[in-house]
Amino acid sequence: MPFSKTFAGFIILGMIPIVLGAFFGLSFYIFILYNLILSALLIIDFIITPGIDKLEIRRECDRKLSMGSENIIKIFVRNNGSHVLNIEARDEVPSYMDVVGGTLNIKSVPHYENPGSYTVVPQKRGEYTFGDIHIRYRGVLKLCMKYGRFDTKENLKVFPNLRDLKRYSFASLRKNLVLIGNKKMKTYGIGTEFESLREYSEGDDYRKVNWLATARSSKLIVNNYEPERNQQVYIMLDSSRVMNAEINYIKKLDYAINSAFLLAEIAGKKGDNIGLLVFDKDVKRFVKSGKGMTHFSTIADNLYNVEENFVTADYDNALFHLCKYQRRRSLLCIFTDLFNSQEALALVRALKTTGRNHIPLVITIKDMRVYEMAANKISTVTNIYDKCAAVKDIDEREKIQRIFESAGIASIDIPPDKLSMEVINKYLNMKAMMQLS
């Protein structure tokens, strides 16, 4: 029968009356009596303490966990017994998750459901299994210990950072105001769909002056237009070897997926149709363009567990597959990375031939540590090699950007901390300037 530390303490304390009894020749009888009483109390405690069958345990959390952020997991204990129990609970957490406060101390009141919570920080996307919940608690008299294991296995999906998605989306959708650094850019008045009337501002096109409204109000009034809706936006996600590189222990693929999630949500709220194509040397996943929350969930389910590999991307094959199913002119947001100018030229050729009917936006992620290395002063021989390698890498990335510029292809090469907002800004700018039509 398992016993508690309190019971062990009473056993040690029993030495005192036994030692005192030795002066009167009664130590043996005291030893027997003391242990009989203590054993009887242990048995009584075990009997009156509610068993495992009197407890109900369940886990509660979001069905979609966010990678790299804190996710609260709640454990609920319902006590159907008649005594208050102090329960220690521990969950079986899958690997690739950091745990904060994993051991819970829950005071379980009779006939109530009492909660406890801990936090997990997933380090990798995918689907993971949470296992059983283990509990233990002391008896009513605090002499015995009872243990239990509850079958609470369930699979939970880890998605890119959905908290960032919620945080950024509102700011990005504020009436066509796009944040670029600390500067706000005005985009109203550009588009083809009438939205509202407003007072003339310096720089407005006189062709948009509404003369009837101007005559009624005795001041210049212009028509305010908004960009067209129902345009086609495809997220093309490269999952080949170039996306394996890590920046701050996070792979470029994960940064790209985070941005792709945000782009899909913003474009959906702007009324556009969103599609998805994941590729390396083959097309891994394809979701035809659509809109609505159900469609966004479909895209999310195809993005959360994308895995990188070590093959080379085939841009021609990916674009051929897309053009086979998507004839309507679309904005292609291509998340990729390029090792050298030859790869950039290959992508340009594919976009100019296979994907010539679409509007491309090439999105690459640069590592600012390379720029810091290039700016460092040389103090050792190793520094010389590091600096030369960094300068060469920067020159190659600048050459790649010039190749896209000379080909008339929109591109951005941006650090990961600015990636999501820069992608959204670029999409909204291209939409506002009617480049997607």
Protein backbone atom coordinates (compact mmCIF):
# COMPACT_ATOMS: atom_id res chain seq x y z
CA MET A 1 0.00 0.00 0.00
CA PRO A 2 1.62 3.32 -1.07
CA PHE A 3 2.14 5.74 1.76
CA SER A 4 2.93 9.44 1.90
CA LYS A 5 5.86 11.37 3.28
CA THR A 6 3.66 12.27 6.25
CA PHE A 7 3.29 8.57 7.09
CA ALA A 8 7.08 8.11 6.80
CA GLY A 9 7.51 11.06 9.15
CA PHE A 10 5.24 9.44 11.75
CA ILE A 11 7.30 6.25 11.54
CA ILE A 12 10.44 8.23 12.34
CA LEU A 13 8.66 10.08 15.16
CA GLY A 14 7.74 6.69 16.62
CA MET A 15 11.32 6.28 17.68
CA ILE A 16 10.76 8.82 20.47
CA PRO A 17 8.17 6.84 22.52
CA ILE A 18 10.13 3.63 21.88
CA VAL A 19 13.32 5.18 23.30
CA LEU A 20 11.40 6.59 26.27
CA GLY A 21 9.76 3.21 26.84
CA ALA A 22 13.19 1.57 27.10
CA PHE A 23 13.65 3.19 30.53
CA PHE A 24 10.65 1.23 31.80
CA GLY A 25 11.27 -1.95 29.80
CA LEU A 26 8.22 -1.31 27.61
CA SER A 27 9.89 -0.42 24.29
CA PHE A 28 8.76 -3.65 22.56
CA TYR A 29 5.12 -3.19 23.56
CA ILE A 30 5.19 0.48 22.59
CA PHE A 31 6.74 -0.44 19.24
CA ILE A 32 3.96 -2.98 18.53
CA LEU A 33 1.15 -0.68 19.70
CA TYR A 34 2.46 2.37 17.87
CA ASN A 35 2.81 0.51 14.56
CA LEU A 36 -0.60 -1.15 14.93
CA ILE A 37 -2.25 2.24 15.45
CA LEU A 38 -0.31 3.81 12.57
CA SER A 39 -1.12 0.90 10.24
CA ALA A 40 -4.79 1.04 11.20
CA LEU A 41 -4.89 4.77 10.44
CA LEU A 42 -3.20 4.12 7.06
CA ILE A 43 -5.85 1.51 6.18
CA ILE A 44 -8.67 3.81 7.30
CA ASP A 45 -7.19 6.67 5.23
CA PHE A 46 -6.99 4.43 2.19
CA ILE A 47 -10.63 3.37 2.62
CA ILE A 48 -12.18 6.80 3.19
CA THR A 49 -10.13 8.56 0.51
CA PRO A 50 -12.01 8.67 -2.84
CA GLY A 51 -10.56 6.31 -5.41
CA ILE A 52 -9.59 7.02 -8.99
CA ASP A 53 -13.04 5.89 -10.11
CA LYS A 54 -14.48 8.96 -8.34
CA LEU A 55 -12.48 11.36 -10.52
CA GLU A 56 -13.05 12.61 -14.05
CA ILE A 57 -10.15 14.24 -15.97
CA ARG A 58 -10.25 16.13 -19.24
CA ARG A 59 -7.95 18.38 -21.27
CA GLU A 60 -9.09 21.62 -22.91
CA CYS A 61 -7.16 23.79 -25.39
CA ASP A 62 -7.35 25.36 -28.83
CA ARG A 63 -7.64 22.77 -31.57
CA LYS A 64 -4.98 24.67 -33.50
CA LEU A 65 -1.81 25.49 -31.59
CA SER A 66 0.51 28.29 -32.71
CA MET A 67 4.16 27.54 -33.36
CA GLY A 68 6.67 29.66 -31.45
CA SER A 69 4.11 31.24 -29.14
CA GLU A 70 2.64 30.35 -25.76
CA ASN A 71 -0.44 28.12 -25.88
CA ILE A 72 -2.45 27.48 -22.72
CA ILE A 73 -3.46 23.89 -21.98
CA LYS A 74 -6.10 23.44 -19.27
CA ILE A 75 -6.64 20.32 -17.19
CA PHE A 76 -10.03 19.93 -15.50
CA VAL A 77 -10.61 17.59 -12.55
CA ARG A 78 -14.11 16.70 -11.39
CA ASN A 79 -14.28 15.17 -7.92
CA ASN A 80 -17.37 12.99 -7.43
CA GLY A 81 -16.25 11.97 -3.94
CA SER A 82 -17.09 13.57 -0.60
CA HIS A 83 -13.68 14.92 0.45
CA VAL A 84 -11.44 17.74 -0.77
CA LEU A 85 -8.37 16.42 -2.58
CA ASN A 86 -5.12 18.16 -3.47
CA ILE A 87 -4.28 16.60 -6.80
CA GLU A 88 -0.94 16.75 -8.58
CA ALA A 89 -1.44 16.28 -12.34
CA ARG A 90 1.05 15.91 -15.16
CA ASP A 91 0.28 15.68 -18.88
CA GLU A 92 2.16 13.66 -21.50
CA VAL A 93 3.36 16.42 -23.84
CA PRO A 94 4.73 15.53 -27.30
CA SER A 95 8.28 16.27 -28.35
CA TYR A 96 9.20 19.57 -30.06
CA MET A 97 7.25 21.43 -27.38
CA ASP A 98 8.73 23.44 -24.52
CA VAL A 99 6.64 23.17 -21.35
CA VAL A 100 6.16 25.85 -18.68
CA GLY A 101 4.51 24.77 -15.43
CA GLY A 102 4.03 21.15 -16.48
CA THR A 103 3.20 19.82 -12.99
CA LEU A 104 -0.16 21.15 -11.80
CA ASN A 105 -1.45 21.35 -8.23
CA ILE A 106 -5.24 21.37 -8.32
CA LYS A 107 -7.46 21.67 -5.26
CA SER A 108 -10.41 19.47 -6.14
CA VAL A 109 -13.62 20.33 -4.28
CA PRO A 110 -16.33 17.63 -4.09
CA HIS A 111 -18.90 17.68 -6.90
CA TYR A 112 -17.17 20.52 -8.76
CA GLU A 113 -14.88 20.71 -11.77
CA ASN A 114 -11.68 22.48 -10.83
CA PRO A 115 -9.13 23.69 -13.41
CA GLY A 116 -5.37 23.92 -13.65
CA SER A 117 -3.29 25.11 -16.60
CA TYR A 118 0.18 24.97 -18.07
CA THR A 119 1.80 26.44 -21.18
CA VAL A 120 3.41 24.84 -24.20
CA VAL A 121 5.54 26.53 -26.86
CA PRO A 122 5.64 24.33 -30.00
CA GLN A 123 8.93 24.52 -31.91
CA LYS A 124 7.77 22.75 -35.05
CA ARG A 125 4.69 22.63 -37.25
CA GLY A 126 2.77 19.41 -37.74
CA GLU A 127 0.33 17.07 -36.00
CA TYR A 128 1.26 15.78 -32.54
CA THR A 129 -0.29 13.44 -29.99
CA PHE A 130 -0.90 14.48 -26.40
CA GLY A 131 -0.90 11.35 -24.26
CA ASP A 132 -2.37 10.30 -20.93
CA ILE A 133 -2.76 12.50 -17.87
CA HIS A 134 -1.10 11.15 -14.73
CA ILE A 135 -2.29 12.15 -11.26
CA ARG A 136 -1.45 11.47 -7.65
CA TYR A 137 -2.91 12.73 -4.39
CA ARG A 138 -2.63 12.21 -0.64
CA GLY A 139 -5.39 10.65 1.43
CA VAL A 140 -7.86 12.53 3.58
CA LEU A 141 -5.66 11.86 6.62
CA LYS A 142 -2.61 12.58 4.48
CA LEU A 143 -1.13 9.16 5.22
CA CYS A 144 -1.69 7.20 1.99
CA MET A 145 -0.98 8.07 -1.64
CA LYS A 146 -3.17 7.20 -4.59
CA TYR A 147 -2.12 7.22 -8.23
CA GLY A 148 -4.04 7.29 -11.47
CA ARG A 149 -3.65 7.41 -15.21
CA PHE A 150 -6.39 8.69 -17.50
CA ASP A 151 -6.64 7.96 -21.20
CA THR A 152 -6.85 11.45 -22.74
CA LYS A 153 -4.95 10.82 -25.97
CA GLU A 154 -5.74 13.30 -28.73
CA ASN A 155 -4.07 14.69 -31.82
CA LEU A 156 -3.56 18.44 -32.06
CA LYS A 157 -2.24 20.43 -35.02
CA VAL A 158 0.51 23.00 -34.70
CA PHE A 159 0.08 25.85 -37.17
CA PRO A 160 2.26 28.85 -37.94
CA ASN A 161 1.87 31.73 -35.53
CA LEU A 162 -1.88 32.40 -35.55
CA ARG A 163 -1.47 34.99 -32.79
CA ASP A 164 0.54 37.16 -35.20
CA LEU A 165 -2.14 36.60 -37.81
CA LYS A 166 -4.78 38.10 -35.52
CA ARG A 167 -2.48 40.91 -34.39
CA TYR A 168 -1.44 42.07 -37.86
CA SER A 169 -4.64 41.58 -39.81
CA PHE A 170 -6.66 44.46 -38.34
CA ALA A 171 -3.86 46.99 -38.73
CA SER A 172 -3.29 45.92 -42.32
CA LEU A 173 -6.92 46.30 -43.33
CA ARG A 174 -7.62 49.80 -42.03
CA LYS A 175 -9.30 51.45 -44.98
CA ASN A 176 -6.44 51.14 -47.48
CA LEU A 177 -3.80 52.64 -45.16
CA VAL A 178 -0.58 50.72 -45.62
CA LEU A 179 2.18 51.02 -43.04
CA ILE A 180 5.66 51.20 -44.49
CA GLY A 181 8.11 51.66 -41.63
CA ASN A 182 6.87 54.74 -39.82
CA LYS A 183 5.34 56.30 -42.92
CA LYS A 184 1.70 55.99 -43.97
CA MET A 185 0.90 55.77 -47.64
CA LYS A 186 -2.40 57.09 -49.02
CA THR A 187 -4.03 54.72 -51.50
CA TYR A 188 -7.61 55.94 -51.65
CA GLY A 189 -8.92 57.25 -54.92
CA ILE A 190 -7.19 54.51 -56.91
CA GLY A 191 -9.26 51.68 -58.32
CA THR A 192 -12.30 51.12 -60.47
CA GLU A 193 -15.16 50.44 -58.03
CA PHE A 194 -16.95 53.50 -56.60
CA GLU A 195 -16.83 53.55 -52.79
CA SER A 196 -17.73 57.04 -51.49
CA LEU A 197 -17.45 60.81 -51.91
CA ARG A 198 -14.87 62.95 -50.15
CA GLU A 199 -13.46 66.47 -50.21
CA TYR A 200 -10.73 67.22 -52.75
CA SER A 201 -7.15 66.90 -51.50
CA GLU A 202 -4.05 68.32 -53.13
CA GLY A 203 -2.74 65.92 -55.73
CA ASP A 204 -6.10 64.32 -56.57
CA ASP A 205 -6.88 63.65 -60.23
CA TYR A 206 -9.31 66.30 -61.56
CA ARG A 207 -10.95 63.61 -63.68
CA LYS A 208 -12.40 62.17 -60.47
CA VAL A 209 -14.15 65.41 -59.49
CA ASN A 210 -17.90 64.85 -58.99
CA TRP A 211 -19.34 68.09 -60.41
CA LEU A 212 -22.91 67.50 -59.21
CA ALA A 213 -21.76 66.98 -55.62
CA THR A 214 -19.39 69.94 -55.98
CA ALA A 215 -22.25 72.20 -57.12
CA ARG A 216 -24.38 71.18 -54.13
CA SER A 217 -21.68 71.69 -51.51
CA SER A 218 -19.85 74.71 -53.02
CA LYS A 219 -16.48 72.93 -52.64
CA LEU A 220 -14.61 70.41 -54.72
CA ILE A 221 -15.81 66.85 -54.12
CA VAL A 222 -14.17 63.83 -55.71
CA ASN A 223 -15.26 60.24 -56.18
CA ASN A 224 -13.41 57.77 -53.99
CA TYR A 225 -12.75 54.41 -55.62
CA GLU A 226 -11.52 51.16 -54.19
CA PRO A 227 -9.58 48.39 -55.90
CA GLU A 228 -11.52 45.64 -57.62
CA ARG A 229 -12.53 42.55 -55.71
CA ASN A 230 -12.63 38.94 -56.87
CA GLN A 231 -9.10 39.04 -58.24
CA GLN A 232 -6.98 35.89 -58.27
CA VAL A 233 -4.04 35.47 -55.87
CA TYR A 234 -1.95 32.30 -55.75
CA ILE A 235 0.57 31.50 -53.04
CA MET A 236 3.41 29.47 -54.55
CA LEU A 237 5.50 27.99 -51.76
CA ASP A 238 8.91 26.51 -52.52
CA SER A 239 9.68 23.63 -50.11
CA SER A 240 12.98 22.60 -51.71
CA ARG A 241 16.50 22.63 -50.26
CA VAL A 242 16.87 26.43 -50.48
CA MET A 243 14.25 26.84 -47.74
CA ASN A 244 16.19 24.69 -45.25
CA ALA A 245 18.45 27.54 -44.15
CA GLU A 246 17.82 28.75 -40.59
CA ILE A 247 17.73 32.31 -39.25
CA ASN A 248 17.57 32.54 -35.46
CA TYR A 249 16.92 28.78 -35.31
CA ILE A 250 13.81 29.07 -37.50
CA LYS A 251 13.84 27.76 -41.06
CA LYS A 252 13.09 30.05 -43.96
CA LEU A 253 10.22 27.73 -44.87
CA ASP A 254 8.54 28.47 -41.53
CA TYR A 255 8.94 32.22 -42.02
CA ALA A 256 7.43 31.85 -45.50
CA ILE A 257 4.48 29.82 -44.22
CA ASN A 258 3.77 32.41 -41.52
CA SER A 259 3.65 35.12 -44.19
CA ALA A 260 1.57 32.93 -46.50
CA PHE A 261 -1.04 32.49 -43.74
CA LEU A 262 -1.27 36.23 -43.23
CA LEU A 263 -1.42 36.95 -46.96
CA ALA A 264 -4.22 34.41 -47.42
CA GLU A 265 -6.26 35.97 -44.63
CA ILE A 266 -5.76 39.57 -45.76
CA ALA A 267 -6.44 38.81 -49.43
CA GLY A 268 -9.57 36.92 -48.43
CA LYS A 269 -10.84 39.89 -46.44
CA LYS A 270 -10.12 42.16 -49.40
CA GLY A 271 -12.53 40.02 -51.44
CA ASP A 272 -9.98 38.20 -53.59
CA ASN A 273 -9.81 34.51 -54.44
CA ILE A 274 -6.85 32.67 -52.88
CA GLY A 275 -5.13 29.56 -54.20
CA LEU A 276 -2.13 27.54 -53.05
CA LEU A 277 0.61 25.55 -54.73
CA VAL A 278 3.43 23.85 -52.77
CA PHE A 279 6.30 22.55 -54.86
CA ASP A 280 9.88 21.34 -55.03
CA LYS A 281 10.90 19.19 -58.00
CA ASP A 282 7.25 18.03 -58.02
CA VAL A 283 3.99 19.69 -57.11
CA LYS A 284 3.23 18.57 -53.56
CA ARG A 285 -0.08 20.31 -52.93
CA PHE A 286 -2.50 22.32 -54.99
CA VAL A 287 -5.62 24.16 -53.85
CA LYS A 288 -7.63 25.90 -56.57
CA SER A 289 -8.51 29.51 -55.83
CA GLY A 290 -11.59 30.32 -53.80
CA LYS A 291 -12.81 32.45 -50.91
CA GLY A 292 -14.56 32.24 -47.56
CA MET A 293 -13.63 30.80 -44.17
CA THR A 294 -14.10 27.21 -45.31
CA HIS A 295 -11.66 27.79 -48.15
CA PHE A 296 -9.19 29.50 -45.80
CA SER A 297 -9.38 26.46 -43.52
CA THR A 298 -8.59 24.25 -46.51
CA ILE A 299 -5.50 26.34 -47.29
CA ALA A 300 -4.49 26.24 -43.60
CA ASP A 301 -4.83 22.45 -43.52
CA ASN A 302 -2.53 22.23 -46.53
CA LEU A 303 0.05 24.62 -45.09
CA TYR A 304 0.52 23.67 -41.45
CA ASN A 305 2.45 20.44 -42.04
CA VAL A 306 4.48 21.24 -45.16
CA GLU A 307 7.92 19.66 -44.82
CA GLU A 308 11.16 20.81 -46.44
CA ASN A 309 13.41 18.41 -48.36
CA PHE A 310 16.77 18.35 -50.11
CA VAL A 311 15.83 18.42 -53.80
CA THR A 312 16.06 21.30 -56.27
CA ALA A 313 12.94 23.25 -57.19
CA ASP A 314 11.49 22.87 -60.69
CA TYR A 315 9.84 26.20 -61.46
CA ASP A 316 8.76 25.20 -64.97
CA ASN A 317 6.92 22.15 -63.68
CA ALA A 318 5.21 24.14 -60.91
CA LEU A 319 4.07 26.90 -63.28
CA PHE A 320 2.92 24.37 -65.90
CA HIS A 321 0.74 22.66 -63.28
CA LEU A 322 -0.74 25.97 -62.13
CA CYS A 323 -1.45 27.19 -65.68
CA LYS A 324 -3.14 23.88 -66.47
CA TYR A 325 -5.84 24.58 -63.86
CA GLN A 326 -5.73 28.38 -63.63
CA ARG A 327 -6.28 30.17 -66.93
CA ARG A 328 -7.46 33.45 -65.43
CA ARG A 329 -4.76 36.10 -64.87
CA SER A 330 -3.46 35.83 -61.29
CA LEU A 331 -0.96 37.35 -58.91
CA LEU A 332 1.65 34.68 -58.17
CA CYS A 333 3.29 35.27 -54.78
CA ILE A 334 6.33 33.01 -55.05
CA PHE A 335 8.05 32.32 -51.71
CA THR A 336 11.48 30.97 -52.56
CA ASP A 337 15.21 31.60 -52.23
CA LEU A 338 17.95 31.60 -54.85
CA PHE A 339 21.55 30.56 -54.37
CA ASN A 340 22.91 32.36 -57.44
CA SER A 341 22.06 34.39 -60.53
CA GLN A 342 21.78 31.25 -62.70
CA GLU A 343 18.83 30.10 -60.60
CA ALA A 344 17.31 33.58 -60.90
CA LEU A 345 17.63 33.47 -64.69
CA ALA A 346 15.98 30.03 -64.72
CA LEU A 347 13.05 31.41 -62.71
CA VAL A 348 12.78 34.44 -65.03
CA ARG A 349 12.70 32.19 -68.11
CA ALA A 350 9.97 30.05 -66.54
CA LEU A 351 7.90 33.13 -65.65
CA LYS A 352 8.34 34.64 -69.13
CA THR A 353 7.33 31.43 -70.91
CA THR A 354 5.22 29.02 -68.87
CA GLY A 355 3.80 31.69 -66.56
CA ARG A 356 3.63 34.58 -69.02
CA ASN A 357 -0.13 35.11 -68.53
CA HIS A 358 0.27 35.81 -64.81
CA ILE A 359 1.73 38.57 -62.66
CA PRO A 360 4.64 37.33 -60.54
CA LEU A 361 5.89 38.62 -57.20
CA VAL A 362 9.09 36.88 -56.10
CA ILE A 363 9.61 36.91 -52.32
CA THR A 364 12.98 35.97 -50.82
CA ILE A 365 14.26 36.13 -47.25
CA LYS A 366 17.66 37.62 -46.48
CA ASP A 367 19.78 36.93 -43.43
CA MET A 368 20.91 40.20 -41.82
CA ARG A 369 23.76 38.39 -40.05
CA VAL A 370 25.51 38.25 -43.43
CA TYR A 371 25.30 42.04 -43.72
CA GLU A 372 26.65 42.43 -40.18
CA MET A 373 29.53 40.12 -41.04
CA ALA A 374 30.31 42.15 -44.15
CA ALA A 375 30.41 45.35 -42.08
CA ASN A 376 32.71 43.93 -39.38
CA LYS A 377 36.30 45.10 -39.12
CA ILE A 378 38.99 42.57 -39.97
CA SER A 379 41.00 41.47 -36.92
CA THR A 380 41.97 37.86 -37.68
CA VAL A 381 42.56 35.66 -40.72
CA THR A 382 39.20 33.99 -40.08
CA ASN A 383 37.53 37.41 -40.24
CA ILE A 384 39.00 37.92 -43.72
CA TYR A 385 37.42 34.73 -45.04
CA ASP A 386 34.08 35.44 -43.32
CA LYS A 387 33.98 39.02 -44.61
CA CYS A 388 34.85 37.98 -48.18
CA ALA A 389 32.17 35.27 -48.15
CA ALA A 390 29.59 37.71 -46.78
CA VAL A 391 30.43 40.40 -49.36
CA LYS A 392 30.23 37.83 -52.17
CA ASP A 393 26.83 36.61 -50.93
CA ILE A 394 25.48 40.17 -50.74
CA ASP A 395 26.75 40.95 -54.26
CA GLU A 396 25.03 37.84 -55.57
CA ARG A 397 21.72 38.73 -53.91
CA GLU A 398 21.89 42.26 -55.34
CA LYS A 399 22.65 40.81 -58.77
CA ILE A 400 19.58 38.57 -58.47
CA GLN A 401 17.40 41.56 -57.65
CA ARG A 402 18.77 43.42 -60.69
CA ILE A 403 17.90 40.44 -62.88
CA PHE A 404 14.28 40.57 -61.71
CA GLU A 405 14.17 44.34 -62.11
CA SER A 406 15.50 44.25 -65.66
CA ALA A 407 12.95 41.53 -66.51
CA GLY A 408 10.12 43.68 -65.17
CA ILE A 409 9.32 41.19 -62.41
CA ALA A 410 8.31 42.52 -58.99
CA SER A 411 10.45 41.17 -56.17
CA ILE A 412 11.27 41.79 -52.53
CA ASP A 413 14.27 40.58 -50.54
CA ILE A 414 13.47 41.23 -46.91
CA PRO A 415 14.60 40.17 -43.39
CA PRO A 416 12.27 37.69 -41.64
CA ASP A 417 11.11 40.15 -38.97
CA LYS A 418 9.69 42.46 -41.67
CA LEU A 419 8.62 39.76 -44.12
CA SER A 420 4.90 39.45 -43.34
CA MET A 421 4.07 43.15 -43.38
CA GLU A 422 6.21 43.84 -46.45
CA VAL A 423 4.44 41.06 -48.38
CA ILE A 424 1.04 42.48 -47.40
CA ASN A 425 2.11 46.02 -48.31
CA LYS A 426 3.34 44.88 -51.71
CA TYR A 427 0.13 42.96 -52.41
CA LEU A 428 -2.07 45.92 -51.39
CA ASN A 429 0.04 48.35 -53.44
CA MET A 430 -0.15 46.18 -56.56
CA LYS A 431 -3.88 45.78 -56.03
CA ALA A 432 -4.43 49.53 -55.47
CA MET A 433 -2.42 50.40 -58.60
CA MET A 434 -4.59 47.96 -60.58
CA GLN A 435 -1.60 45.82 -61.49
CA LEU A 436 -3.61 42.63 -60.84
CA SER A 437 -6.23 43.34 -63.49
